[in-house]
Protein backbone atom coordinates (compact mmCIF):
# COMPACT_ATOMS: atom_id res chain seq x y z
CA MET A 1 -12.68 -1.48 -21.24
CA ALA A 2 -12.77 1.31 -18.28
CA PRO A 3 -13.56 -0.27 -14.87
CA SER A 4 -16.78 0.24 -13.56
CA HIS A 5 -17.29 3.23 -10.52
CA GLU A 6 -18.23 -0.05 -8.27
CA GLU A 7 -14.58 -1.28 -9.27
CA ARG A 8 -12.86 2.45 -9.03
CA GLN A 9 -13.92 2.51 -5.55
CA TRP A 10 -13.12 -0.83 -3.94
CA ALA A 11 -9.65 -0.09 -5.45
CA LEU A 12 -9.70 3.71 -3.74
CA PHE A 13 -10.83 1.68 -0.47
CA ALA A 14 -7.52 -0.94 -1.11
CA HIS A 15 -5.20 2.00 -0.98
CA LEU A 16 -6.66 3.64 1.34
CA ALA A 17 -7.11 1.15 3.75
CA ALA A 18 -3.25 0.25 3.73
CA LEU A 19 -3.21 4.47 4.82
CA LEU A 20 -5.79 3.99 7.51
CA GLY A 21 -5.19 0.61 8.73
CA GLY A 22 -0.97 1.77 9.36
CA LEU A 23 -2.51 4.79 10.92
CA VAL A 24 -4.82 3.55 13.26
CA THR A 25 -2.06 0.26 14.21
CA GLY A 26 1.28 2.56 14.26
CA SER A 27 2.24 1.43 17.65
CA PHE A 28 1.52 -2.18 16.60
CA LEU A 29 4.70 -1.65 14.04
CA GLY A 30 1.77 -0.55 11.49
CA LEU A 31 0.97 -4.45 10.85
CA GLY A 32 -2.48 -3.12 10.06
CA CYS A 33 -1.33 -1.61 6.54
CA PHE A 34 -1.33 -4.92 5.31
CA LEU A 35 -4.76 -6.26 6.64
CA GLY A 36 -7.38 -3.43 4.35
CA PRO A 37 -5.38 -4.13 1.40
CA LEU A 38 -5.51 -8.18 1.99
CA ILE A 39 -9.29 -8.50 3.07
CA ILE A 40 -10.26 -6.53 0.00
CA TRP A 41 -7.99 -8.92 -2.18
CA LEU A 42 -9.06 -11.93 -0.70
CA VAL A 43 -12.88 -10.99 -1.13
CA LYS A 44 -12.98 -8.79 -4.58
CA LYS A 45 -10.21 -10.71 -6.77
CA ASP A 46 -12.18 -12.89 -8.19
CA THR A 47 -15.06 -10.73 -9.38
CA MET A 48 -13.42 -7.44 -9.78
CA PRO A 49 -10.71 -7.77 -12.02
CA PHE A 50 -9.53 -4.17 -11.38
CA VAL A 51 -9.64 -4.19 -8.00
CA ASN A 52 -7.60 -8.16 -7.78
CA ASP A 53 -4.78 -5.60 -9.55
CA GLN A 54 -4.66 -2.39 -7.39
CA ALA A 55 -5.13 -4.55 -4.09
CA LYS A 56 -2.64 -6.76 -4.68
CA GLU A 57 -0.39 -4.04 -5.84
CA ALA A 58 -1.23 -2.01 -2.69
CA LEU A 59 -0.54 -5.16 -0.66
CA ASN A 60 2.90 -5.35 -2.63
CA PHE A 61 4.12 -1.84 -1.70
CA ASN A 62 2.80 -2.25 1.85
CA ILE A 63 5.02 -4.93 2.20
CA THR A 64 8.23 -3.86 0.63
CA VAL A 65 8.01 -0.39 2.69
CA ALA A 66 7.91 -2.86 5.60
CA ILE A 67 10.96 -4.59 4.59
CA GLY A 68 12.37 -1.37 4.09
CA ALA A 69 10.92 0.22 8.09
CA LEU A 70 12.68 -3.18 9.06
CA VAL A 71 15.71 -2.17 7.12
CA CYS A 72 15.77 1.98 8.74
CA GLY A 73 15.39 -0.07 12.18
CA VAL A 74 19.05 -2.53 12.19
CA LEU A 75 20.41 0.80 10.51
CA MET A 76 19.03 3.28 13.69
CA PHE A 77 22.64 1.99 15.20
CA VAL A 78 24.57 3.89 12.66
CA LEU A 79 21.89 6.69 13.10
CA ILE A 80 21.00 6.62 9.67
CA GLY A 81 18.37 5.09 10.27
CA PHE A 82 17.13 7.80 12.25
CA VAL A 83 17.13 9.92 8.81
CA LEU A 84 15.68 7.40 6.76
CA LEU A 85 12.67 5.91 8.45
CA PRO A 86 10.99 9.58 8.33
CA LEU A 87 12.13 9.80 4.87
CA LEU A 88 10.30 6.30 4.30
CA GLY A 89 6.99 7.68 5.78
CA ILE A 90 7.04 10.66 3.84
CA TYR A 91 7.77 8.19 0.87
CA TRP A 92 4.66 5.84 2.20
CA LEU A 93 2.44 9.01 2.29
CA VAL A 94 3.06 10.93 -0.42
CA PHE A 95 2.49 7.30 -3.06
CA ILE A 96 -0.79 6.06 -1.17
CA ILE A 97 -2.35 9.48 -1.84
CA ILE A 98 -1.06 9.05 -5.67
CA ALA A 99 -2.32 5.84 -5.89
CA SER A 100 -5.91 6.61 -4.45
CA ILE A 101 -6.58 9.50 -6.80
CA LYS A 102 -5.16 7.40 -10.26
CA ALA A 103 -7.20 4.18 -9.06
CA ASN A 104 -10.35 6.06 -8.49
CA GLU A 105 -9.58 7.50 -12.03
CA GLY A 106 -9.54 3.61 -13.14
CA GLU A 107 -6.56 3.83 -13.45
CA ARG A 108 -3.72 1.18 -13.08
CA TYR A 109 -1.59 2.61 -10.96
CA ARG A 110 1.97 0.88 -10.06
CA TYR A 111 4.47 2.08 -7.38
CA PRO A 112 7.79 3.09 -8.00
CA PHE A 113 10.57 0.65 -6.56
CA THR A 114 8.36 -2.00 -5.56
CA LEU A 115 9.06 -5.64 -5.36
CA ARG A 116 5.91 -7.62 -6.66
CA LEU A 117 5.79 -10.34 -4.12
CA ILE A 118 2.08 -11.53 -5.01
CA PRO A 119 2.58 -11.89 -8.89
């Protein structure tokens, strides 16, 4: 059964909230990229299964990217982190846009190379 228009819209918001939160709180280590998907997941997980799935996926992806950013920060001491961090940022941006489009189409999108820390 396909998700309703409202479920697709909330799933889209879960992905885009990470993008918006990361851009708004970029000077505070981008901590806002967790808040949007987390809030949407906590509020809608019991009533909308599609939103539950996609908000968890967005949250897991952003946790994985944060771990990658920490690794890049450490690797800056050997200079490779200065190359990897911008590449990670491009990866983050591109895949959030792709996930947002797929969620709006009603597809259960899975980010590649993502740790599934929240099952």
